[in-house]
Amino acid sequence: MRITITDWKLRQELDRVFVLHWTHFGLLCLSILTSFIKFETPIYDLVLLGLLITFYRLYYLTIKKLFYTFWTFSIVLILSLVGKIVFAEISQVQFYLYALAVIFIVMEMYILHNPIYYPIVSWWEYDFRYRHDLKVTVSTENHEKIKGRLNDLRRESAGLQLFEDLAIGSKLDVQYGENKFKGEIMSKRRYSVGRPWTYGFKFYLENAEEKHVYEELMLSYKNEKLLKTKDKFKKTTS
């Protein structure tokens, strides 16, 4: 995954993610140190601290390189902490530390739940009859027209699939039906050779009218997804 920060809001979001990440790491380290200070199980706590540091080192890399394993790490960590809160015998201080850590992890996941960082693409679906993408025409800055597909519309962004290799920061016009949207490529990734590039595309929605048209586009996408899912279900059960 390659990403270039060209938007100050995006840069602020990523800075906030890293602050949240190391904050819940610090909270978990503090929870271990509370037991260590009491000399209850010093060897166990030292081993646990070493495992936590190793885990967070790998966890950090999933964010830095925007690997999808970030979600696996996050869910496993949340389940572990919730399990400790519910079932383990912990002190009141540890309870609050674990609860705060869970809150910060969920906040981090919410920020990164965006097509710019992690576009949701049905890469396993090779039959385009059941792909719930929207067919669009893309106009580049060189006035070149390209056929593409738009998917995963969330938070004023989307996943844009094109076979052409475009630079991050490219400004595009995306046309669906009679509606045209302006925006910018913020990130790009390719799942395998022969598959299209998936771009994290940020829409420029500068007024209420453009936001309304974007909401209609999201509705079209949801309807397309529902129809394709029903059609596939009928074909597989018949």
Protein backbone atom coordinates (compact mmCIF):
# COMPACT_ATOMS: atom_id res chain seq x y z
CA MET A 1 0.00 0.00 0.00
CA ARG A 2 1.34 3.39 -0.98
CA ILE A 3 -0.11 6.54 0.52
CA THR A 4 0.87 10.18 0.26
CA ILE A 5 -0.66 12.69 2.62
CA THR A 6 -1.81 15.64 0.53
CA ASP A 7 -4.68 16.74 2.75
CA TRP A 8 -4.13 18.37 6.14
CA LYS A 9 -7.23 16.68 7.57
CA LEU A 10 -5.86 13.32 6.52
CA ARG A 11 -2.53 14.09 8.12
CA GLN A 12 -4.31 15.05 11.32
CA GLU A 13 -6.24 11.78 11.25
CA LEU A 14 -3.09 9.68 10.95
CA ASP A 15 -1.36 11.66 13.69
CA ARG A 16 -4.38 10.99 15.90
CA VAL A 17 -4.20 7.27 15.06
CA PHE A 18 -0.58 7.02 16.18
CA VAL A 19 -1.31 8.95 19.38
CA LEU A 20 -4.20 6.59 20.17
CA HIS A 21 -2.07 3.56 19.32
CA TRP A 22 0.77 4.38 21.69
CA THR A 23 -1.67 5.57 24.34
CA HIS A 24 -3.40 2.20 24.65
CA PHE A 25 0.03 0.54 24.52
CA GLY A 26 1.09 2.71 27.47
CA LEU A 27 -2.09 1.85 29.36
CA LEU A 28 -1.45 -1.88 28.98
CA CYS A 29 2.18 -1.50 30.03
CA LEU A 30 0.98 0.42 33.08
CA SER A 31 -1.48 -2.35 33.94
CA ILE A 32 1.37 -4.88 33.93
CA LEU A 33 3.59 -2.61 36.01
CA THR A 34 0.88 -2.30 38.70
CA SER A 35 1.21 -6.04 39.31
CA PHE A 36 5.00 -5.96 39.02
CA ILE A 37 5.33 -3.23 41.65
CA LYS A 38 3.44 -5.44 44.14
CA PHE A 39 5.97 -8.26 43.45
CA GLU A 40 3.10 -10.72 43.04
CA THR A 41 4.38 -12.54 39.91
CA PRO A 42 7.50 -10.63 38.76
CA ILE A 43 8.80 -13.26 36.31
CA TYR A 44 5.38 -13.73 34.72
CA ASP A 45 4.89 -9.96 34.43
CA LEU A 46 8.31 -9.49 32.81
CA VAL A 47 7.56 -12.19 30.24
CA LEU A 48 4.13 -10.67 29.62
CA LEU A 49 5.66 -7.23 29.15
CA GLY A 50 8.14 -8.64 26.62
CA LEU A 51 5.34 -10.35 24.70
CA LEU A 52 3.30 -7.15 24.75
CA ILE A 53 6.19 -5.11 23.32
CA THR A 54 6.74 -7.70 20.56
CA PHE A 55 3.01 -7.77 19.78
CA TYR A 56 2.79 -3.99 19.56
CA ARG A 57 5.85 -3.77 17.36
CA LEU A 58 4.11 -6.00 14.79
CA TYR A 59 0.80 -4.25 15.44
CA TYR A 60 2.40 -0.87 14.67
CA LEU A 61 3.79 -2.18 11.37
CA THR A 62 0.29 -3.21 10.23
CA ILE A 63 -0.78 0.43 10.63
CA LYS A 64 2.35 1.95 9.16
CA LYS A 65 2.13 -0.23 6.04
CA LEU A 66 -1.69 -0.37 6.11
CA PHE A 67 -1.83 -4.17 6.11
CA TYR A 68 -5.30 -5.66 6.48
CA THR A 69 -3.95 -7.75 9.38
CA PHE A 70 -4.44 -4.58 11.44
CA TRP A 71 -8.06 -5.62 11.88
CA THR A 72 -7.08 -9.11 13.04
CA PHE A 73 -4.64 -7.68 15.58
CA SER A 74 -7.25 -5.19 16.82
CA ILE A 75 -10.05 -7.71 17.21
CA VAL A 76 -7.81 -10.25 18.97
CA LEU A 77 -6.57 -7.55 21.36
CA ILE A 78 -10.07 -6.28 22.13
CA LEU A 79 -11.37 -9.80 22.79
CA SER A 80 -8.41 -10.51 25.07
CA LEU A 81 -8.98 -7.32 27.06
CA VAL A 82 -12.73 -7.86 27.32
CA GLY A 83 -12.05 -11.42 28.47
CA LYS A 84 -9.76 -10.10 31.21
CA ILE A 85 -12.32 -7.52 32.28
CA VAL A 86 -15.16 -10.05 32.47
CA PHE A 87 -13.49 -13.26 33.64
CA ALA A 88 -10.09 -12.50 35.22
CA GLU A 89 -9.45 -11.40 38.78
CA ILE A 90 -8.02 -7.92 38.30
CA SER A 91 -7.68 -4.87 40.49
CA GLN A 92 -9.90 -1.82 40.11
CA VAL A 93 -6.98 0.12 38.63
CA GLN A 94 -6.40 -2.57 36.01
CA PHE A 95 -10.11 -2.61 35.21
CA TYR A 96 -10.06 1.08 34.34
CA LEU A 97 -6.81 0.75 32.40
CA TYR A 98 -8.18 -2.13 30.31
CA ALA A 99 -11.48 -0.33 29.72
CA LEU A 100 -9.68 2.83 28.55
CA ALA A 101 -7.43 0.76 26.28
CA VAL A 102 -10.47 -0.83 24.63
CA ILE A 103 -12.03 2.60 24.07
CA PHE A 104 -8.85 3.94 22.44
CA ILE A 105 -8.51 0.86 20.21
CA VAL A 106 -12.11 1.25 19.01
CA MET A 107 -11.47 4.96 18.29
CA GLU A 108 -8.38 4.02 16.28
CA MET A 109 -10.35 1.43 14.31
CA TYR A 110 -13.10 3.96 13.59
CA ILE A 111 -10.65 6.49 12.11
CA LEU A 112 -9.02 3.84 9.88
CA HIS A 113 -12.37 2.43 8.75
CA ASN A 114 -12.14 4.47 5.57
CA PRO A 115 -11.68 3.49 1.89
CA ILE A 116 -8.59 5.71 1.72
CA TYR A 117 -6.80 3.45 4.20
CA TYR A 118 -8.57 0.12 3.90
CA PRO A 119 -10.87 -0.16 0.86
CA ILE A 120 -13.25 -3.11 1.08
CA VAL A 121 -12.97 -4.86 -2.28
CA SER A 122 -14.49 -8.21 -3.25
CA TRP A 123 -11.20 -9.38 -4.77
CA TRP A 124 -12.28 -13.02 -4.40
CA GLU A 125 -15.28 -12.49 -6.73
CA TYR A 126 -14.00 -13.07 -10.27
CA ASP A 127 -17.45 -13.22 -11.85
CA PHE A 128 -18.21 -9.59 -12.74
CA ARG A 129 -21.91 -10.42 -13.03
CA TYR A 130 -22.07 -10.43 -9.24
CA ARG A 131 -19.65 -7.61 -8.49
CA HIS A 132 -21.62 -4.80 -6.88
CA ASP A 133 -19.43 -2.08 -8.34
CA LEU A 134 -20.73 0.99 -10.13
CA LYS A 135 -19.44 1.45 -13.68
CA VAL A 136 -18.00 4.94 -14.06
CA THR A 137 -16.04 7.01 -16.57
CA VAL A 138 -12.96 8.74 -15.22
CA SER A 139 -11.44 11.86 -16.76
CA THR A 140 -7.81 12.55 -15.86
CA GLU A 141 -6.00 15.89 -15.73
CA ASN A 142 -4.78 15.16 -19.28
CA HIS A 143 -8.43 14.86 -20.40
CA GLU A 144 -7.99 11.13 -20.93
CA LYS A 145 -11.18 9.12 -20.43
CA ILE A 146 -10.88 5.78 -18.62
CA LYS A 147 -13.49 3.15 -17.80
CA GLY A 148 -13.49 2.12 -14.17
CA ARG A 149 -15.53 0.85 -11.27
CA LEU A 150 -16.47 2.53 -8.02
CA ASN A 151 -17.06 0.64 -4.80
CA ASP A 152 -17.00 0.88 -1.01
CA LEU A 153 -18.52 4.33 -0.68
CA ARG A 154 -18.01 5.57 2.88
CA ARG A 155 -17.22 8.83 4.65
CA GLU A 156 -17.04 10.96 1.49
CA SER A 157 -14.51 8.55 -0.04
CA ALA A 158 -14.56 5.42 -2.17
CA GLY A 159 -12.51 2.66 -3.69
CA LEU A 160 -11.87 3.39 -7.37
CA GLN A 161 -10.72 0.46 -9.53
CA LEU A 162 -8.77 1.20 -12.71
CA PHE A 163 -6.31 -0.82 -14.78
CA GLU A 164 -4.30 2.33 -15.48
CA ASP A 165 -1.43 3.16 -13.12
CA LEU A 166 -2.06 6.72 -11.91
CA ALA A 167 -0.01 8.79 -9.50
CA ILE A 168 -1.12 9.52 -5.97
CA GLY A 169 -2.37 13.08 -5.83
CA SER A 170 -3.94 12.91 -9.29
CA LYS A 171 -7.14 14.91 -9.52
CA LEU A 172 -9.95 13.18 -11.39
CA ASP A 173 -13.50 13.71 -12.58
CA VAL A 174 -15.64 10.63 -11.97
CA GLN A 175 -18.89 10.39 -13.90
CA TYR A 176 -21.73 8.05 -13.00
CA GLY A 177 -24.79 8.49 -15.19
CA GLU A 178 -25.50 12.21 -15.45
CA ASN A 179 -23.62 13.07 -12.28
CA LYS A 180 -19.95 14.09 -12.21
CA PHE A 181 -17.79 14.19 -9.11
CA LYS A 182 -14.43 15.82 -8.57
CA GLY A 183 -11.84 14.28 -6.28
CA GLU A 184 -8.30 13.17 -5.69
CA ILE A 185 -6.39 9.90 -5.45
CA MET A 186 -5.08 9.61 -1.90
CA SER A 187 -3.75 6.03 -1.88
CA LYS A 188 -3.27 3.04 -4.16
CA ARG A 189 -2.87 -0.70 -3.83
CA ARG A 190 -2.87 -3.75 -6.09
CA TYR A 191 -3.86 -7.18 -4.83
CA SER A 192 -2.25 -9.27 -7.58
CA VAL A 193 -0.84 -9.03 -11.09
CA GLY A 194 -3.61 -8.87 -13.66
CA ARG A 195 -6.06 -7.26 -11.27
CA PRO A 196 -6.89 -3.54 -11.41
CA TRP A 197 -5.36 -0.91 -9.16
CA THR A 198 -7.58 0.05 -6.24
CA TYR A 199 -7.31 3.74 -5.44
CA GLY A 200 -8.45 5.43 -2.25
CA PHE A 201 -10.45 8.26 -3.79
CA LYS A 202 -11.53 11.33 -1.81
CA PHE A 203 -14.51 13.29 -3.11
CA TYR A 204 -14.48 17.07 -3.16
CA LEU A 205 -17.88 17.96 -1.69
CA GLU A 206 -17.86 21.70 -1.28
CA ASN A 207 -21.54 22.51 -0.84
CA ALA A 208 -24.88 21.02 0.22
CA GLU A 209 -25.90 20.19 -3.35
CA GLU A 210 -22.76 18.15 -4.02
CA LYS A 211 -23.21 16.31 -0.72
CA HIS A 212 -26.80 15.51 -1.68
CA VAL A 213 -25.70 14.10 -5.04
CA TYR A 214 -23.06 12.02 -3.23
CA GLU A 215 -25.76 10.61 -0.92
CA GLU A 216 -27.76 9.61 -4.01
CA LEU A 217 -24.63 7.90 -5.36
CA MET A 218 -24.29 5.97 -2.10
CA LEU A 219 -27.93 4.92 -2.37
CA SER A 220 -27.35 3.68 -5.93
CA TYR A 221 -24.35 1.69 -4.71
CA LYS A 222 -26.32 0.09 -1.87
CA ASN A 223 -29.18 -0.82 -4.22
CA GLU A 224 -26.72 -2.32 -6.72
CA LYS A 225 -25.11 -4.35 -3.95
CA LEU A 226 -28.49 -5.65 -2.77
CA LEU A 227 -29.62 -6.61 -6.28
CA LYS A 228 -26.37 -8.42 -7.14
CA THR A 229 -26.43 -10.32 -3.84
CA LYS A 230 -30.01 -11.44 -4.41
CA ASP A 231 -29.23 -12.42 -7.99
CA LYS A 232 -26.24 -14.51 -6.95
CA PHE A 233 -28.23 -16.20 -4.19
CA LYS A 234 -30.95 -17.17 -6.69
CA LYS A 235 -28.40 -18.58 -9.14
CA THR A 236 -26.63 -20.68 -6.51
CA THR A 237 -29.82 -22.10 -5.02
CA SER A 238 -31.57 -22.89 -8.32
